Protein backbone atom coordinates (compact mmCIF):
# COMPACT_ATOMS: atom_id res chain seq x y z
CA UNK A 1 177.57 65.88 163.26
CA UNK A 2 173.75 66.39 164.11
CA UNK A 3 173.54 68.97 161.54
CA UNK A 4 175.30 66.70 158.81
CA UNK A 5 172.71 63.53 159.83
CA UNK A 6 169.88 66.01 159.36
CA UNK A 7 170.97 66.99 156.01
CA UNK A 8 171.64 63.40 155.06
CA UNK A 9 168.17 62.49 156.34
CA UNK A 10 166.47 65.67 154.30
CA UNK A 11 168.69 64.49 151.08
CA UNK A 12 167.56 61.10 151.42
CA UNK A 13 163.93 61.90 151.90
CA UNK A 14 164.15 64.32 148.64
CA UNK A 15 165.85 61.52 146.70
CA UNK A 16 163.03 59.17 147.84
CA UNK A 17 160.39 61.57 146.97
CA UNK A 18 161.89 62.39 143.45
CA UNK A 19 162.03 58.57 142.50
CA UNK A 20 158.55 57.64 144.11
CA UNK A 21 157.17 60.90 142.34
CA UNK A 22 157.05 59.62 138.63
CA UNK A 23 156.22 55.79 139.74
CA UNK A 24 153.49 57.12 141.87
CA UNK A 25 152.05 59.24 139.10
CA UNK A 26 152.74 57.07 136.39
CA UNK A 27 149.60 54.65 136.85
CA UNK A 28 147.29 57.67 136.81
CA UNK A 29 149.16 59.34 133.48
CA UNK A 30 148.65 55.80 131.83
CA UNK A 31 145.00 56.03 132.49
CA UNK A 32 144.90 59.50 131.20
CA UNK A 33 146.90 58.47 128.04
CA UNK A 34 144.57 55.53 127.45
CA UNK A 35 141.41 57.33 128.08
CA UNK A 36 142.70 60.05 125.45
CA UNK A 37 143.71 57.53 122.69
CA UNK A 38 140.29 56.08 123.19
CA UNK A 39 138.28 58.87 122.83
CA UNK A 40 140.44 59.99 120.07
CA UNK A 41 140.13 56.71 118.20
CA UNK A 42 136.00 56.93 118.58
CA UNK A 43 135.84 60.29 117.23
CA UNK A 44 138.28 59.10 114.15
CA UNK A 45 135.85 56.09 113.57
CA UNK A 46 132.95 58.46 113.27
CA UNK A 47 134.58 60.91 111.33
CA UNK A 48 135.83 58.43 108.65
CA UNK A 49 132.28 56.78 108.34
CA UNK A 50 130.92 60.21 107.64
CA UNK A 51 133.66 61.23 105.14
CA UNK A 52 133.19 57.49 103.43
CA UNK A 53 129.57 58.49 103.32
CA UNK A 54 130.04 61.46 101.78
CA UNK A 55 132.56 60.72 99.28
CA UNK A 56 130.62 57.62 98.17
CA UNK A 57 127.37 59.67 97.56
CA UNK A 58 128.83 63.00 96.51
CA UNK A 59 132.29 63.31 95.48
CA UNK A 60 132.29 59.81 93.53
CA UNK A 61 129.11 60.68 91.53
CA UNK A 62 130.62 64.26 90.66
CA UNK A 63 134.08 62.47 89.60
CA UNK A 64 131.99 59.91 87.85
CA UNK A 65 129.86 62.21 86.06
CA UNK A 66 132.87 64.42 84.67
CA UNK A 67 134.39 61.37 83.37
CA UNK A 68 131.45 59.94 81.90
CA UNK A 69 130.86 63.34 79.97
CA UNK A 70 133.72 62.26 78.05
CA UNK A 71 132.51 58.94 77.10
CA UNK A 72 129.80 57.25 75.07
CA UNK A 73 127.64 54.79 77.18
CA UNK A 74 124.44 53.39 77.95
CA UNK A 75 125.52 51.22 80.71
CA UNK A 76 124.57 48.10 78.75
CA UNK A 77 127.03 48.04 75.79
CA UNK A 78 130.72 49.02 75.47
CA UNK A 79 132.05 52.12 76.75
CA UNK A 80 133.70 54.49 74.33
CA UNK A 81 136.18 57.47 74.88
CA UNK A 82 134.87 60.28 72.73
CA UNK A 83 136.49 63.49 74.04
CA UNK A 84 134.80 66.50 73.57
CA UNK A 85 131.95 64.81 71.13
CA UNK A 86 129.37 64.97 73.90
CA UNK A 87 129.74 68.87 74.29
CA UNK A 88 129.83 69.73 70.53
CA UNK A 89 126.64 67.60 70.18
CA UNK A 90 124.63 69.33 72.82
CA UNK A 91 125.76 72.88 71.98
CA UNK A 92 124.71 71.94 68.33
CA UNK A 93 121.33 70.72 69.44
CA UNK A 94 118.49 73.01 68.79
CA UNK A 95 116.76 72.62 72.18
CA UNK A 96 119.95 73.71 74.10
CA UNK A 97 119.56 77.30 73.82
CA UNK A 98 115.86 77.07 74.58
CA UNK A 99 116.33 75.25 77.46
CA UNK A 100 118.83 77.78 78.79
CA UNK A 101 116.50 80.56 77.83
CA UNK A 102 113.76 78.98 79.68
CA UNK A 103 115.59 78.39 82.67
CA UNK A 104 117.03 81.96 83.01
CA UNK A 105 113.67 83.38 82.38
CA UNK A 106 112.19 80.90 85.08
CA UNK A 107 114.94 81.98 87.54
CA UNK A 108 114.26 85.83 86.93
CA UNK A 109 110.53 85.38 87.33
CA UNK A 110 111.12 83.27 90.35
CA UNK A 111 113.20 86.28 91.88
CA UNK A 112 110.56 88.70 90.92
CA UNK A 113 107.82 86.45 92.98
CA UNK A 114 109.30 83.67 94.95
CA UNK A 115 112.14 86.09 96.35
CA UNK A 116 110.22 88.93 97.07
CA UNK A 117 106.86 87.66 98.17
CA UNK A 118 108.24 85.59 100.95
CA UNK A 119 110.24 88.65 102.24
CA UNK A 120 106.87 90.98 102.23
CA UNK A 121 105.12 88.02 103.91
CA UNK A 122 107.52 87.66 106.68
CA UNK A 123 107.58 91.67 107.36
CA UNK A 124 103.60 91.47 107.50
CA UNK A 125 103.47 88.42 109.83
CA UNK A 126 105.90 90.12 112.19
CA UNK A 127 103.82 93.21 112.35
CA UNK A 128 101.04 91.12 113.47
CA UNK A 129 100.04 90.91 117.24
CA UNK A 130 97.31 88.45 117.45
CA UNK A 131 97.15 84.99 115.48
CA UNK A 132 100.67 85.31 114.35
CA UNK A 133 101.07 81.63 115.19
CA UNK A 134 98.38 80.47 112.89
CA UNK A 135 99.27 82.32 110.02
CA UNK A 136 102.68 81.00 110.09
CA UNK A 137 100.98 77.38 110.10
CA UNK A 138 98.96 78.43 107.22
CA UNK A 139 102.03 80.05 105.28
CA UNK A 140 104.12 76.83 105.85
CA UNK A 141 101.40 74.40 105.00
CA UNK A 142 102.22 74.15 101.30
CA UNK A 143 105.54 72.88 102.35
CA UNK A 144 104.30 69.84 104.37
CA UNK A 145 102.45 68.52 101.21
CA UNK A 146 104.28 66.14 98.88
CA UNK A 147 105.82 68.07 95.98
CA UNK A 148 104.42 65.52 93.34
CA UNK A 149 101.05 65.56 95.16
CA UNK A 150 101.01 69.35 94.75
CA UNK A 151 101.84 69.44 91.64
CA UNK A 152 99.20 67.34 90.22
CA UNK A 153 96.77 69.40 92.16
CA UNK A 154 97.83 72.65 90.87
CA UNK A 155 97.78 70.61 87.31
CA UNK A 156 94.11 70.12 88.00
CA UNK A 157 93.87 74.04 88.63
CA UNK A 158 95.24 74.99 85.19
CA UNK A 159 92.93 72.74 83.26
CA UNK A 160 92.03 74.63 80.32
CA UNK A 161 88.37 73.84 80.19
CA UNK A 162 86.06 75.01 82.76
CA UNK A 163 86.40 71.75 84.87
CA UNK A 164 89.55 73.45 86.30
CA UNK A 165 89.47 75.44 89.33
CA UNK A 166 91.07 78.84 88.08
CA UNK A 167 88.77 78.88 84.65
CA UNK A 168 85.65 77.62 86.62
CA UNK A 169 86.20 80.98 88.69
CA UNK A 170 86.98 83.18 85.84
CA UNK A 171 83.56 81.60 84.08
CA UNK A 172 81.59 82.09 87.35
CA UNK A 173 82.62 86.02 87.38
CA UNK A 174 82.06 86.29 83.34
CA UNK A 175 85.51 86.59 82.89
CA UNK A 176 87.55 85.35 79.81
CA UNK A 177 89.30 81.77 80.48
CA UNK A 178 92.67 80.86 79.88
CA UNK A 179 94.96 78.08 78.44
CA UNK A 180 97.26 78.32 81.02
CA UNK A 181 99.68 75.65 80.62
CA UNK A 182 98.98 74.96 77.06
CA UNK A 183 99.87 78.68 76.12
CA UNK A 184 103.53 79.52 75.39
CA UNK A 185 103.05 82.86 76.61
CA UNK A 186 102.17 82.45 80.18
CA UNK A 187 103.02 78.57 80.95
CA UNK A 188 106.30 79.44 82.56
CA UNK A 189 104.65 82.23 84.54
CA UNK A 190 102.27 79.26 85.64
CA UNK A 191 105.04 77.28 86.62
CA UNK A 192 106.73 80.10 88.87
CA UNK A 193 103.48 80.81 90.54
CA UNK A 194 103.11 77.19 91.66
CA UNK A 195 106.74 76.85 92.69
CA UNK A 196 106.23 80.02 94.98
CA UNK A 197 103.27 78.79 96.44
CA UNK A 198 104.82 75.47 97.07
CA UNK A 199 108.31 76.71 98.53
CA UNK A 200 107.91 79.94 100.02
CA UNK A 201 106.87 78.90 103.61
CA UNK A 202 110.49 77.59 104.37
CA UNK A 203 111.65 81.04 103.03
CA UNK A 204 109.27 82.88 105.26
CA UNK A 205 110.36 81.29 108.49
CA UNK A 206 113.95 82.03 107.84
CA UNK A 207 113.13 85.55 107.20
CA UNK A 208 110.99 85.55 110.45
CA UNK A 209 113.60 84.41 112.50
CA UNK A 210 115.81 87.19 111.20
CA UNK A 211 113.21 89.71 111.88
CA UNK A 212 112.78 88.70 115.28
CA UNK A 213 116.59 89.34 115.83
CA UNK A 214 116.40 93.11 115.12
CA UNK A 215 116.40 95.16 118.23
CA UNK A 216 113.12 96.77 118.82
CA UNK A 217 115.08 100.06 119.86
CA UNK A 218 115.75 100.66 116.30
CA UNK A 219 112.01 100.77 115.23
CA UNK A 220 111.23 102.77 118.45
CA UNK A 221 113.72 105.30 117.25
CA UNK A 222 112.27 105.26 113.53
CA UNK A 223 108.92 105.76 114.75
CA UNK A 224 109.95 108.71 117.08
CA UNK A 225 111.45 110.44 113.90
CA UNK A 226 107.94 109.90 112.07
CA UNK A 227 108.92 107.05 109.85
CA UNK A 228 106.11 104.95 108.76
CA UNK A 229 105.74 101.28 107.88
CA UNK A 230 107.59 101.34 104.59
CA UNK A 231 110.27 103.67 105.87
CA UNK A 232 110.93 101.36 108.54
CA UNK A 233 111.16 98.38 106.37
CA UNK A 234 113.31 100.38 103.98
CA UNK A 235 115.82 101.85 106.59
CA UNK A 236 115.77 99.35 109.26
CA UNK A 237 114.58 96.11 108.26
CA UNK A 238 116.53 95.56 104.91
CA UNK A 239 120.04 97.01 106.28
CA UNK A 240 119.70 94.66 109.42
CA UNK A 241 118.69 91.55 107.15
CA UNK A 242 121.05 92.27 104.26
CA UNK A 243 123.13 89.26 105.19
CA UNK A 244 119.96 86.74 105.11
CA UNK A 245 118.91 88.38 102.47
CA UNK A 246 121.86 88.02 100.15
CA UNK A 247 122.23 84.44 101.37
CA UNK A 248 118.55 83.42 100.28
CA UNK A 249 119.20 85.43 96.92
CA UNK A 250 122.15 82.96 96.34
CA UNK A 251 120.09 79.86 97.49
CA UNK A 252 117.02 81.06 95.29
CA UNK A 253 119.36 81.29 92.18
CA UNK A 254 120.73 77.99 92.53
CA UNK A 255 117.42 76.26 93.18
CA UNK A 256 115.91 77.87 90.51
CA UNK A 257 118.42 77.02 87.88
CA UNK A 258 117.90 73.73 88.76
CA UNK A 259 113.93 73.48 88.18
CA UNK A 260 112.94 70.05 87.17
CA UNK A 261 109.93 68.78 88.89
CA UNK A 262 107.57 71.92 87.56
CA UNK A 263 108.03 71.24 84.00
CA UNK A 264 108.05 67.62 84.40
CA UNK A 265 104.46 66.83 85.91
CA UNK A 266 102.72 70.29 84.99
CA UNK A 267 103.74 70.68 81.24
CA UNK A 268 105.85 67.86 80.16
CA UNK A 269 108.35 70.02 78.75
CA UNK A 270 105.94 71.63 76.19
CA UNK A 271 104.90 75.20 75.78
CA UNK A 272 108.46 76.46 76.04
CA UNK A 273 109.00 75.01 79.47
CA UNK A 274 112.06 72.57 78.69
CA UNK A 275 114.44 73.40 81.29
CA UNK A 276 118.26 72.52 81.40
CA UNK A 277 117.62 69.65 84.06
CA UNK A 278 114.47 68.77 82.04
CA UNK A 279 116.92 68.29 78.93
CA UNK A 280 119.29 66.46 81.16
CA UNK A 281 116.61 63.91 82.10
CA UNK A 282 115.76 63.57 78.40
CA UNK A 283 119.26 62.92 77.24
CA UNK A 284 119.53 60.26 80.00
CA UNK A 285 116.21 58.53 80.11
CA UNK A 286 114.60 59.31 76.91
CA UNK A 287 117.27 59.34 74.57
CA UNK A 288 119.66 56.88 76.40
CA UNK A 289 122.63 59.22 75.69
CA UNK A 290 124.10 59.37 79.29
CA UNK A 291 127.36 60.99 77.89
CA UNK A 292 125.61 64.13 76.51
CA UNK A 293 123.47 64.25 79.88
CA UNK A 294 126.73 64.39 81.84
CA UNK A 295 128.15 67.01 79.89
CA UNK A 296 124.89 69.19 79.97
CA UNK A 297 125.33 68.91 83.67
CA UNK A 298 128.84 69.68 83.94
CA UNK A 299 127.73 73.12 82.13
CA UNK A 300 125.03 73.72 84.55
CA UNK A 301 127.91 72.99 87.43
CA UNK A 302 130.13 75.48 85.83
CA UNK A 303 127.56 78.41 85.74
CA UNK A 304 126.38 77.69 89.48
CA UNK A 305 130.06 77.70 90.32
CA UNK A 306 130.26 81.08 88.74
CA UNK A 307 127.04 82.33 90.79
CA UNK A 308 128.41 80.90 93.80
CA UNK A 309 132.06 82.57 93.19
CA UNK A 310 130.56 85.72 92.45
CA UNK A 311 128.37 85.70 95.43
CA UNK A 312 131.58 84.98 97.83
CA UNK A 313 133.67 87.83 95.84
CA UNK A 314 130.92 90.61 96.63
CA UNK A 315 130.08 89.10 100.29
CA UNK A 316 133.96 89.47 101.01
CA UNK A 317 133.84 93.08 99.31
CA UNK A 318 130.89 94.22 101.37
CA UNK A 319 132.60 92.86 104.63
CA UNK A 320 135.70 94.68 103.59
CA UNK A 321 133.73 97.71 102.81
């Protein structure tokens, strides 16, 4: 009997614990659930705001441009659907192929100067033992100058008479002067030199950050093997920075294919420097032909997407290999 009473008491206590357990833990669980919902709601609110801004200022203009490329409109009169007429119009324009030629030539020259010079500068700065910070500031200084102000400054440098800086220096050295921006043979090269000077600072800092991540043991081993500076760069630096080099190459191509400020301020599109983006600007704001401007913009987008796709494909093959 005593054993039975003990068993009944124990069973009743267990039942009470089972009943009381969920009831006791329910307020804490409810608080945790409420806090989780509140945190998720806040996250979704911030996410929706970011998506809305991105859609409004990125996706909508892209979709609107695709639609506008099949329309004839000047935002003042009636908008009419013209199909592929805008594309046929710009392809038949004599300046169309000249703009693509100037853009491709600018991109090629920019790869020779604007891609190689920042990397070489970064390698040299990385080898310095003293005053490295001051030289970094000196290299990055052009980036801090407003692009339009820098362009007008270089336009004065390129002034064809002796009042321009470059011709004044050449005249003082008793060397022949040049027409610079007025010469169709070197005008595009002049734009590339200005673009390289004004933009190389950011690329140099990116390369420097990548170079400083290379283990010093690799350079020590190369020095023990008798490798000089050039061999160390070729056999150690370049392989170790291959990823950042390929990424900067892609960014360089995309940026140079959209060159606009340089021909706008320095040459006004003269001397064979009318690029694709400058031609888009002319279609839209000089000729009020927004449909053709949108169509040419879509063409440029397709070309850049092709470059991006090729880069991703080659990168994936390199990782698999």
